[in-house]
């Protein structure tokens, strides 16, 4: 079916963009990056939920660029930390954001917590806004696991080397993109998103 062309990915995170491209391009969707638009703005992620931030990224950028924009926000929540780091996942250890520092802070916060209480989940929220900033499609995906006590695997990004899926006995850092593109929070959200997108007329 025809899709809006192009759809701009409203993120500058290179690895996140790679995961989204991997899932969108096989559908024949014309994907563009913010780097393709020199006048793209930096959207302030001031929302208190993943949905809030995804909508901000999509709607504000879409109005500014005059294109359809896919906004995505995602992060890690840990039960023993009352859902933290949540929407602050990328800057958990403060600015400038750094995966290593974020992971070290997480391990420190969970020091002494037994494995059965280290339940965690990744959340991804995706939405699509038209050039007027109106949101047409929204979806959410989650993936549940637990936080291990040491780094395992060098693939992925963010908290992936610490996020283990018990049914695989492997972290996202060990599983690699092929498996992650099927079972991750982002993959689950995007499947729902594409199903909804297929039901719209453009």
C-alpha atoms as a PDB file:
ATOM      1  CA  UNK A   1       0.000   0.000   0.000  1.00  0.00           C
ATOM      2  CA  UNK A   2       1.161   3.613  -0.457  1.00  0.00           C
ATOM      3  CA  UNK A   3       2.719   5.253   2.565  1.00  0.00           C
ATOM      4  CA  UNK A   4       3.457   8.933   3.205  1.00  0.00           C
ATOM      5  CA  UNK A   5       6.723   9.798   1.496  1.00  0.00           C
ATOM      6  CA  UNK A   6       9.098  10.374   2.977  1.00  0.00           C
ATOM      7  CA  UNK A   7       8.772   9.432   6.639  1.00  0.00           C
ATOM      8  CA  UNK A   8      11.476  11.190   8.636  1.00  0.00           C
ATOM      9  CA  UNK A   9      12.914   9.366  11.648  1.00  0.00           C
ATOM     10  CA  UNK A  10      12.893  11.942  14.427  1.00  0.00           C
ATOM     11  CA  UNK A  11      16.014  10.766  16.226  1.00  0.00           C
ATOM     12  CA  UNK A  12      19.749  11.438  15.963  1.00  0.00           C
ATOM     13  CA  UNK A  13      20.646   8.239  17.841  1.00  0.00           C
ATOM     14  CA  UNK A  14      22.528   6.316  15.168  1.00  0.00           C
ATOM     15  CA  UNK A  15      21.969   2.846  16.637  1.00  0.00           C
ATOM     16  CA  UNK A  16      18.289   3.504  17.291  1.00  0.00           C
ATOM     17  CA  UNK A  17      17.941   4.735  13.703  1.00  0.00           C
ATOM     18  CA  UNK A  18      19.583   1.544  12.506  1.00  0.00           C
ATOM     19  CA  UNK A  19      17.050  -0.627  14.323  1.00  0.00           C
ATOM     20  CA  UNK A  20      14.135   1.388  12.940  1.00  0.00           C
ATOM     21  CA  UNK A  21      15.517   1.303   9.380  1.00  0.00           C
ATOM     22  CA  UNK A  22      16.028  -2.454   9.645  1.00  0.00           C
ATOM     23  CA  UNK A  23      12.305  -2.859  10.348  1.00  0.00           C
ATOM     24  CA  UNK A  24      10.868  -0.151   8.073  1.00  0.00           C
ATOM     25  CA  UNK A  25      12.839  -0.462   4.832  1.00  0.00           C
ATOM     26  CA  UNK A  26      11.602  -4.007   3.965  1.00  0.00           C
ATOM     27  CA  UNK A  27       8.080  -2.552   3.873  1.00  0.00           C
ATOM     28  CA  UNK A  28       9.060  -0.240   1.033  1.00  0.00           C
ATOM     29  CA  UNK A  29       8.795   2.878   3.182  1.00  0.00           C
ATOM     30  CA  UNK A  30      10.857   5.852   2.015  1.00  0.00           C
ATOM     31  CA  UNK A  31      12.878   6.645   5.142  1.00  0.00           C
ATOM     32  CA  UNK A  32      14.792   9.868   5.703  1.00  0.00           C
ATOM     33  CA  UNK A  33      16.998  10.962   8.602  1.00  0.00           C
ATOM     34  CA  UNK A  34      17.156  14.235  10.482  1.00  0.00           C
ATOM     35  CA  UNK A  35      20.670  14.570   9.080  1.00  0.00           C
ATOM     36  CA  UNK A  36      19.054  14.919   5.654  1.00  0.00           C
ATOM     37  CA  UNK A  37      17.468  18.186   6.827  1.00  0.00           C
ATOM     38  CA  UNK A  38      20.011  20.848   7.872  1.00  0.00           C
ATOM     39  CA  UNK A  39      17.227  22.944   9.432  1.00  0.00           C
ATOM     40  CA  UNK A  40      15.917  20.144  11.675  1.00  0.00           C
ATOM     41  CA  UNK A  41      15.394  21.286  15.264  1.00  0.00           C
ATOM     42  CA  UNK A  42      16.403  19.766  18.592  1.00  0.00           C
ATOM     43  CA  UNK A  43      13.159  18.909  20.370  1.00  0.00           C
ATOM     44  CA  UNK A  44      13.161  19.322  24.146  1.00  0.00           C
ATOM     45  CA  UNK A  45      12.155  15.987  25.691  1.00  0.00           C
ATOM     46  CA  UNK A  46      10.216  17.612  28.508  1.00  0.00           C
ATOM     47  CA  UNK A  47       7.481  14.992  28.798  1.00  0.00           C
ATOM     48  CA  UNK A  48       6.904  12.867  31.880  1.00  0.00           C
ATOM     49  CA  UNK A  49       6.033   9.711  29.914  1.00  0.00           C
ATOM     50  CA  UNK A  50       7.438   7.922  26.880  1.00  0.00           C
ATOM     51  CA  UNK A  51       4.225   8.818  25.036  1.00  0.00           C
ATOM     52  CA  UNK A  52       4.639  12.513  25.851  1.00  0.00           C
ATOM     53  CA  UNK A  53       8.165  12.589  24.482  1.00  0.00           C
ATOM     54  CA  UNK A  54       7.369  10.567  21.353  1.00  0.00           C
ATOM     55  CA  UNK A  55       4.539  12.954  20.482  1.00  0.00           C
ATOM     56  CA  UNK A  56       6.760  15.989  21.084  1.00  0.00           C
ATOM     57  CA  UNK A  57       9.473  14.599  18.827  1.00  0.00           C
ATOM     58  CA  UNK A  58       7.018  13.767  16.060  1.00  0.00           C
ATOM     59  CA  UNK A  59       4.653  16.754  16.145  1.00  0.00           C
ATOM     60  CA  UNK A  60       7.153  19.578  16.660  1.00  0.00           C
ATOM     61  CA  UNK A  61       9.614  18.267  14.105  1.00  0.00           C
ATOM     62  CA  UNK A  62       6.843  17.555  11.571  1.00  0.00           C
ATOM     63  CA  UNK A  63       5.499  21.095  11.768  1.00  0.00           C
ATOM     64  CA  UNK A  64       8.998  22.524  11.473  1.00  0.00           C
ATOM     65  CA  UNK A  65      10.082  20.374   8.519  1.00  0.00           C
ATOM     66  CA  UNK A  66       6.742  20.151   6.727  1.00  0.00           C
ATOM     67  CA  UNK A  67       7.082  16.353   6.486  1.00  0.00           C
ATOM     68  CA  UNK A  68       5.625  13.275   8.115  1.00  0.00           C
ATOM     69  CA  UNK A  69       7.792  12.444  11.125  1.00  0.00           C
ATOM     70  CA  UNK A  70       8.049   9.282  13.190  1.00  0.00           C
ATOM     71  CA  UNK A  71       8.693  10.085  16.838  1.00  0.00           C
ATOM     72  CA  UNK A  72      10.032   7.425  19.171  1.00  0.00           C
ATOM     73  CA  UNK A  73      10.880   7.415  22.844  1.00  0.00           C
ATOM     74  CA  UNK A  74      12.087   4.447  24.811  1.00  0.00           C
ATOM     75  CA  UNK A  75      13.859   3.488  27.972  1.00  0.00           C
ATOM     76  CA  UNK A  76      14.406   1.065  30.802  1.00  0.00           C
ATOM     77  CA  UNK A  77      12.331   0.707  33.962  1.00  0.00           C
ATOM     78  CA  UNK A  78      13.476  -1.324  36.978  1.00  0.00           C
ATOM     79  CA  UNK A  79      10.943  -2.559  39.512  1.00  0.00           C
ATOM     80  CA  UNK A  80      13.312  -2.322  42.496  1.00  0.00           C
ATOM     81  CA  UNK A  81      13.978   1.338  41.606  1.00  0.00           C
ATOM     82  CA  UNK A  82      10.273   2.236  41.424  1.00  0.00           C
ATOM     83  CA  UNK A  83      10.395   2.331  37.642  1.00  0.00           C
ATOM     84  CA  UNK A  84      13.579   4.388  37.294  1.00  0.00           C
ATOM     85  CA  UNK A  85      15.388   5.388  35.177  1.00  0.00           C
ATOM     86  CA  UNK A  86      12.287   5.501  32.932  1.00  0.00           C
ATOM     87  CA  UNK A  87      12.095   8.585  30.688  1.00  0.00           C
ATOM     88  CA  UNK A  88      15.482   9.629  32.070  1.00  0.00           C
ATOM     89  CA  UNK A  89      17.181   6.450  30.803  1.00  0.00           C
ATOM     90  CA  UNK A  90      19.485   8.236  28.344  1.00  0.00           C
ATOM     91  CA  UNK A  91      20.620  10.765  30.947  1.00  0.00           C
ATOM     92  CA  UNK A  92      20.366   8.672  34.111  1.00  0.00           C
ATOM     93  CA  UNK A  93      23.908   9.595  35.180  1.00  0.00           C
ATOM     94  CA  UNK A  94      23.540  13.213  34.068  1.00  0.00           C
ATOM     95  CA  UNK A  95      24.722  15.196  31.085  1.00  0.00           C
ATOM     96  CA  UNK A  96      26.482  14.647  28.802  1.00  0.00           C
ATOM     97  CA  UNK A  97      24.703  11.323  28.328  1.00  0.00           C
ATOM     98  CA  UNK A  98      26.966   8.298  28.295  1.00  0.00           C
ATOM     99  CA  UNK A  99      26.011   4.603  28.166  1.00  0.00           C
ATOM    100  CA  UNK A 100      28.937   3.536  30.352  1.00  0.00           C
ATOM    101  CA  UNK A 101      28.127   6.015  33.115  1.00  0.00           C
ATOM    102  CA  UNK A 102      24.437   5.163  32.970  1.00  0.00           C
ATOM    103  CA  UNK A 103      25.172   1.462  33.289  1.00  0.00           C
ATOM    104  CA  UNK A 104      27.569   1.996  36.168  1.00  0.00           C
ATOM    105  CA  UNK A 105      24.979   4.053  38.034  1.00  0.00           C
ATOM    106  CA  UNK A 106      22.385   1.330  37.463  1.00  0.00           C
ATOM    107  CA  UNK A 107      24.691  -1.386  38.783  1.00  0.00           C
ATOM    108  CA  UNK A 108      25.513   0.757  41.798  1.00  0.00           C
ATOM    109  CA  UNK A 109      21.829   1.393  42.523  1.00  0.00           C
ATOM    110  CA  UNK A 110      21.117  -2.351  42.392  1.00  0.00           C
ATOM    111  CA  UNK A 111      24.143  -3.444  44.453  1.00  0.00           C
ATOM    112  CA  UNK A 112      23.067  -6.106  46.923  1.00  0.00           C
ATOM    113  CA  UNK A 113      19.664  -6.619  45.306  1.00  0.00           C
ATOM    114  CA  UNK A 114      19.094 -10.350  44.643  1.00  0.00           C
ATOM    115  CA  UNK A 115      18.380 -11.502  41.087  1.00  0.00           C
ATOM    116  CA  UNK A 116      14.741 -12.318  41.810  1.00  0.00           C
ATOM    117  CA  UNK A 117      14.155  -8.639  42.600  1.00  0.00           C
ATOM    118  CA  UNK A 118      15.987  -7.243  39.570  1.00  0.00           C
ATOM    119  CA  UNK A 119      12.987  -7.411  37.230  1.00  0.00           C
ATOM    120  CA  UNK A 120      13.074  -4.778  34.502  1.00  0.00           C
ATOM    121  CA  UNK A 121      11.368  -3.877  31.260  1.00  0.00           C
ATOM    122  CA  UNK A 122      12.119  -1.847  28.191  1.00  0.00           C
ATOM    123  CA  UNK A 123       9.319   0.354  26.839  1.00  0.00           C
ATOM    124  CA  UNK A 124       9.100   1.857  23.363  1.00  0.00           C
ATOM    125  CA  UNK A 125       6.457   4.346  22.253  1.00  0.00           C
ATOM    126  CA  UNK A 126       6.115   5.274  18.583  1.00  0.00           C
ATOM    127  CA  UNK A 127       3.884   7.795  16.865  1.00  0.00           C
ATOM    128  CA  UNK A 128       3.542   9.381  13.440  1.00  0.00           C
ATOM    129  CA  UNK A 129       2.657  13.035  12.873  1.00  0.00           C
ATOM    130  CA  UNK A 130       1.638  14.706   9.637  1.00  0.00           C
ATOM    131  CA  UNK A 131       3.183  17.988   8.373  1.00  0.00           C
ATOM    132  CA  UNK A 132       0.628  19.949  10.430  1.00  0.00           C
ATOM    133  CA  UNK A 133       1.730  18.183  13.627  1.00  0.00           C
ATOM    134  CA  UNK A 134      -1.363  16.007  13.976  1.00  0.00           C
ATOM    135  CA  UNK A 135      -0.655  12.510  15.306  1.00  0.00           C
ATOM    136  CA  UNK A 136      -2.268   9.719  13.253  1.00  0.00           C
ATOM    137  CA  UNK A 137      -0.717   6.520  14.598  1.00  0.00           C
ATOM    138  CA  UNK A 138       0.460   5.540  18.088  1.00  0.00           C
ATOM    139  CA  UNK A 139       1.793   2.249  19.463  1.00  0.00           C
ATOM    140  CA  UNK A 140       3.631   0.888  22.476  1.00  0.00           C
ATOM    141  CA  UNK A 141       5.781  -2.188  22.969  1.00  0.00           C
ATOM    142  CA  UNK A 142       7.398  -3.704  26.030  1.00  0.00           C
ATOM    143  CA  UNK A 143       9.985  -6.384  26.624  1.00  0.00           C
ATOM    144  CA  UNK A 144      10.490  -7.885  30.095  1.00  0.00           C
ATOM    145  CA  UNK A 145      13.694  -9.211  31.573  1.00  0.00           C
ATOM    146  CA  UNK A 146      16.069  -8.593  34.453  1.00  0.00           C
ATOM    147  CA  UNK A 147      19.277  -6.710  35.179  1.00  0.00           C
ATOM    148  CA  UNK A 148      22.345  -8.899  35.595  1.00  0.00           C
ATOM    149  CA  UNK A 149      25.284  -7.969  37.796  1.00  0.00           C
ATOM    150  CA  UNK A 150      27.966  -7.716  35.106  1.00  0.00           C
ATOM    151  CA  UNK A 151      28.281  -6.726  31.451  1.00  0.00           C
ATOM    152  CA  UNK A 152      27.651  -9.468  28.901  1.00  0.00           C
ATOM    153  CA  UNK A 153      27.949  -8.957  25.162  1.00  0.00           C
ATOM    154  CA  UNK A 154      29.124  -6.046  23.062  1.00  0.00           C
ATOM    155  CA  UNK A 155      26.169  -5.598  20.728  1.00  0.00           C
ATOM    156  CA  UNK A 156      23.253  -3.202  21.030  1.00  0.00           C
ATOM    157  CA  UNK A 157      23.431   0.038  22.997  1.00  0.00           C
ATOM    158  CA  UNK A 158      22.221   1.641  26.191  1.00  0.00           C
ATOM    159  CA  UNK A 159      21.551  -0.923  28.904  1.00  0.00           C
ATOM    160  CA  UNK A 160      21.586  -3.887  26.485  1.00  0.00           C
ATOM    161  CA  UNK A 161      24.681  -5.605  27.988  1.00  0.00           C
ATOM    162  CA  UNK A 162      22.912  -5.723  31.378  1.00  0.00           C
ATOM    163  CA  UNK A 163      19.362  -6.582  30.239  1.00  0.00           C
ATOM    164  CA  UNK A 164      18.880 -10.356  30.251  1.00  0.00           C
ATOM    165  CA  UNK A 165      15.907 -12.219  28.838  1.00  0.00           C
ATOM    166  CA  UNK A 166      15.515 -15.184  31.231  1.00  0.00           C
ATOM    167  CA  UNK A 167      13.989 -17.430  28.562  1.00  0.00           C
ATOM    168  CA  UNK A 168      17.152 -17.055  26.455  1.00  0.00           C
ATOM    169  CA  UNK A 169      19.656 -16.758  29.330  1.00  0.00           C
ATOM    170  CA  UNK A 170      21.273 -14.059  27.189  1.00  0.00           C
ATOM    171  CA  UNK A 171      21.396 -10.269  27.330  1.00  0.00           C
ATOM    172  CA  UNK A 172      20.395  -8.007  24.463  1.00  0.00           C
ATOM    173  CA  UNK A 173      24.109  -7.360  24.134  1.00  0.00           C
ATOM    174  CA  UNK A 174      24.622 -11.061  23.365  1.00  0.00           C
ATOM    175  CA  UNK A 175      21.564 -11.705  21.208  1.00  0.00           C
ATOM    176  CA  UNK A 176      22.397  -9.414  18.314  1.00  0.00           C
ATOM    177  CA  UNK A 177      20.194  -7.483  15.898  1.00  0.00           C
ATOM    178  CA  UNK A 178      18.643 -10.469  14.112  1.00  0.00           C
ATOM    179  CA  UNK A 179      16.936 -11.743  17.269  1.00  0.00           C
ATOM    180  CA  UNK A 180      16.453  -8.318  18.812  1.00  0.00           C
ATOM    181  CA  UNK A 181      14.582  -7.162  15.711  1.00  0.00           C
ATOM    182  CA  UNK A 182      11.933  -9.776  16.473  1.00  0.00           C
ATOM    183  CA  UNK A 183      11.518  -9.702  20.254  1.00  0.00           C
ATOM    184  CA  UNK A 184      12.593  -6.254  21.435  1.00  0.00           C
ATOM    185  CA  UNK A 185      10.298  -3.533  22.756  1.00  0.00           C
ATOM    186  CA  UNK A 186      11.033  -1.488  19.637  1.00  0.00           C
ATOM    187  CA  UNK A 187      10.212  -4.382  17.304  1.00  0.00           C
ATOM    188  CA  UNK A 188       6.945  -5.061  19.135  1.00  0.00           C
ATOM    189  CA  UNK A 189       5.925  -1.410  19.061  1.00  0.00           C
ATOM    190  CA  UNK A 190       6.815  -1.126  15.385  1.00  0.00           C
ATOM    191  CA  UNK A 191       4.794  -4.207  14.404  1.00  0.00           C
ATOM    192  CA  UNK A 192       1.723  -2.652  16.041  1.00  0.00           C
ATOM    193  CA  UNK A 193       2.568   0.653  14.399  1.00  0.00           C
ATOM    194  CA  UNK A 194       2.825  -0.864  10.914  1.00  0.00           C
ATOM    195  CA  UNK A 195      -0.443  -2.767  11.354  1.00  0.00           C
ATOM    196  CA  UNK A 196      -2.172   0.491  12.264  1.00  0.00           C
ATOM    197  CA  UNK A 197      -0.427   2.337   9.435  1.00  0.00           C
ATOM    198  CA  UNK A 198      -1.678  -0.250   6.936  1.00  0.00           C
ATOM    199  CA  UNK A 199      -5.236   0.562   8.018  1.00  0.00           C
ATOM    200  CA  UNK A 200      -4.970   4.265   7.144  1.00  0.00           C
ATOM    201  CA  UNK A 201      -5.569   5.939   3.814  1.00  0.00           C
ATOM    202  CA  UNK A 202      -3.109   8.603   2.650  1.00  0.00           C
END
